[in-house]
Amino acid sequence: MKSGCRIEQRQFGQADRLQACLAIDLVVAWRIYHLCKLGRDHPHAPCTVYFEEAQWKALTVFSTKKPAALNQVPTLRDMIHRVATLGGFLGRKGDGEPGTQTLWLGLQRLDDIVAMWLAMTESITATQATVSSEGGSG
């Protein structure tokens, strides 16, 4: 929470504003810690226990560069490593499991990747619907 949310750099004029901001930061910090712990306790669980479909699909295509990789839901450990890689995790043999700070940074980047994924898939779906509706008349 201290590094990721940068709470020490915030300067609010009123205590109630600081309290509201800290309440949100606590939820964010707890979710990231929960993901880290869940990945260590249940690494072989499907990633859908934490990640939404758009998140794991977007990151899988982004990291593998292969849309065919979407045929199988990755494990939670695989997904956590992909997210942590976005946050600077190198994944060397002696590095161990990623920590909360690399997950925090990776999840921020994942939000942008998912936004692009949703924009692209909605655009493709809309284009296919338009083409199929135009092709039916004749």
Protein backbone atom coordinates (compact mmCIF):
# COMPACT_ATOMS: atom_id res chain seq x y z
CA MET A 1 0.00 0.00 0.00
CA LYS A 2 2.83 2.35 0.86
CA SER A 3 4.73 1.95 -2.44
CA GLY A 4 1.95 1.11 -4.85
CA CYS A 5 -0.65 3.64 -3.72
CA ARG A 6 1.97 6.25 -2.78
CA ILE A 7 0.05 7.26 0.32
CA GLU A 8 2.94 9.23 1.79
CA GLN A 9 2.95 11.61 -1.20
CA ARG A 10 -0.69 12.59 -0.89
CA GLN A 11 -1.48 15.91 0.66
CA PHE A 12 -5.10 16.57 1.50
CA GLY A 13 -6.39 19.64 3.25
CA GLN A 14 -9.01 17.75 5.21
CA ALA A 15 -8.88 14.52 7.20
CA ASP A 16 -12.14 13.15 5.75
CA ARG A 17 -10.68 13.27 2.24
CA LEU A 18 -7.62 11.39 3.39
CA GLN A 19 -9.76 8.78 5.14
CA ALA A 20 -11.87 8.19 2.02
CA CYS A 21 -8.77 7.82 -0.11
CA LEU A 22 -7.13 5.45 2.37
CA ALA A 23 -10.29 3.31 2.47
CA ILE A 24 -10.06 2.76 -1.29
CA ASP A 25 -6.32 2.14 -1.08
CA LEU A 26 -6.85 -0.50 1.61
CA VAL A 27 -9.23 -2.41 -0.65
CA VAL A 28 -6.73 -2.26 -3.51
CA ALA A 29 -3.87 -3.37 -1.26
CA TRP A 30 -5.94 -6.21 0.18
CA ARG A 31 -6.92 -7.49 -3.29
CA ILE A 32 -3.31 -7.55 -4.43
CA TYR A 33 -2.16 -9.29 -1.26
CA HIS A 34 -5.04 -11.76 -1.64
CA LEU A 35 -3.97 -12.52 -5.22
CA CYS A 36 -0.37 -13.05 -4.11
CA LYS A 37 -1.41 -15.40 -1.29
CA LEU A 38 -3.97 -17.24 -3.43
CA GLY A 39 -1.33 -17.88 -6.08
CA ARG A 40 1.05 -19.34 -3.51
CA ASP A 41 -1.58 -21.48 -1.78
CA HIS A 42 -3.40 -22.73 -4.90
CA PRO A 43 -1.06 -22.36 -7.91
CA HIS A 44 -2.78 -25.04 -10.01
CA ALA A 45 -6.29 -23.59 -9.67
CA PRO A 46 -7.76 -22.10 -12.85
CA CYS A 47 -7.09 -18.39 -13.15
CA THR A 48 -10.83 -17.76 -13.29
CA VAL A 49 -10.93 -17.86 -9.47
CA TYR A 50 -9.54 -14.33 -9.54
CA PHE A 51 -9.39 -13.01 -13.10
CA GLU A 52 -12.30 -12.19 -15.38
CA GLU A 53 -12.53 -13.79 -18.81
CA ALA A 54 -11.50 -10.63 -20.66
CA GLN A 55 -8.45 -10.27 -18.42
CA TRP A 56 -7.01 -13.73 -18.92
CA LYS A 57 -7.82 -13.79 -22.63
CA ALA A 58 -6.31 -10.36 -23.28
CA LEU A 59 -3.13 -11.14 -21.37
CA THR A 60 -2.77 -14.59 -22.90
CA VAL A 61 -2.92 -13.21 -26.43
CA PHE A 62 -0.68 -10.27 -25.47
CA SER A 63 2.00 -12.46 -23.88
CA THR A 64 1.95 -15.40 -26.30
CA LYS A 65 1.14 -13.47 -29.50
CA LYS A 66 -1.09 -16.43 -30.43
CA PRO A 67 -4.90 -16.23 -30.43
CA ALA A 68 -4.98 -20.04 -30.53
CA ALA A 69 -3.72 -20.07 -26.94
CA LEU A 70 -7.25 -19.16 -25.80
CA ASN A 71 -8.39 -22.78 -26.08
CA GLN A 72 -7.34 -23.54 -22.50
CA VAL A 73 -7.76 -21.51 -19.30
CA PRO A 74 -4.30 -20.94 -17.76
CA THR A 75 -3.52 -21.83 -14.18
CA LEU A 76 -3.50 -19.13 -11.53
CA ARG A 77 0.28 -19.39 -11.24
CA ASP A 78 0.76 -18.90 -14.99
CA MET A 79 -1.51 -15.88 -15.00
CA ILE A 80 0.19 -14.35 -11.95
CA HIS A 81 3.57 -14.77 -13.61
CA ARG A 82 2.29 -13.09 -16.78
CA VAL A 83 0.89 -10.18 -14.77
CA ALA A 84 4.09 -9.89 -12.73
CA THR A 85 6.14 -9.87 -15.93
CA LEU A 86 4.22 -6.75 -16.96
CA GLY A 87 5.33 -5.25 -13.63
CA GLY A 88 9.01 -6.06 -14.10
CA PHE A 89 9.24 -9.61 -12.74
CA LEU A 90 12.03 -11.46 -14.53
CA GLY A 91 11.15 -15.00 -13.48
CA ARG A 92 14.70 -16.23 -13.15
CA LYS A 93 15.37 -19.56 -11.48
CA GLY A 94 16.28 -18.08 -8.10
CA ASP A 95 13.72 -15.26 -8.07
CA GLY A 96 10.95 -17.17 -6.32
CA GLU A 97 7.33 -16.11 -6.68
CA PRO A 98 6.42 -12.54 -7.59
CA GLY A 99 5.60 -10.12 -4.80
CA THR A 100 2.88 -7.58 -4.28
CA GLN A 101 4.71 -4.63 -5.82
CA THR A 102 5.36 -6.33 -9.17
CA LEU A 103 1.76 -7.57 -9.18
CA TRP A 104 0.52 -4.04 -8.46
CA LEU A 105 2.50 -2.62 -11.39
CA GLY A 106 1.47 -5.49 -13.66
CA LEU A 107 -2.21 -5.12 -12.81
CA GLN A 108 -2.05 -1.45 -13.76
CA ARG A 109 -0.68 -2.37 -17.18
CA LEU A 110 -3.20 -5.21 -17.47
CA ASP A 111 -6.03 -2.69 -17.17
CA ASP A 112 -4.78 -0.94 -20.32
CA ILE A 113 -4.35 -4.22 -22.19
CA VAL A 114 -7.88 -5.32 -21.26
CA ALA A 115 -9.32 -1.96 -22.36
CA MET A 116 -7.73 -2.44 -25.78
CA TRP A 117 -8.86 -6.07 -25.92
CA LEU A 118 -12.46 -5.09 -25.22
CA ALA A 119 -12.35 -2.28 -27.78
CA MET A 120 -10.96 -4.62 -30.44
CA THR A 121 -13.30 -7.54 -29.75
CA GLU A 122 -16.36 -5.26 -29.65
CA SER A 123 -15.24 -3.66 -32.92
CA ILE A 124 -14.79 -7.06 -34.57
CA THR A 125 -18.17 -8.27 -33.26
CA ALA A 126 -19.91 -5.13 -34.54
CA THR A 127 -18.24 -5.47 -37.95
CA GLN A 128 -19.24 -9.13 -38.24
CA ALA A 129 -22.83 -8.29 -37.29
CA THR A 130 -22.97 -5.54 -39.92
CA VAL A 131 -21.51 -7.77 -42.63
CA SER A 132 -23.84 -10.66 -41.82
CA SER A 133 -26.93 -8.43 -41.79
CA GLU A 134 -25.98 -6.83 -45.12
CA GLY A 135 -25.14 -10.14 -46.76
CA GLY A 136 -28.58 -11.67 -46.04
CA SER A 137 -30.56 -9.44 -48.40
CA GLY A 138 -30.38 -9.97 -52.06
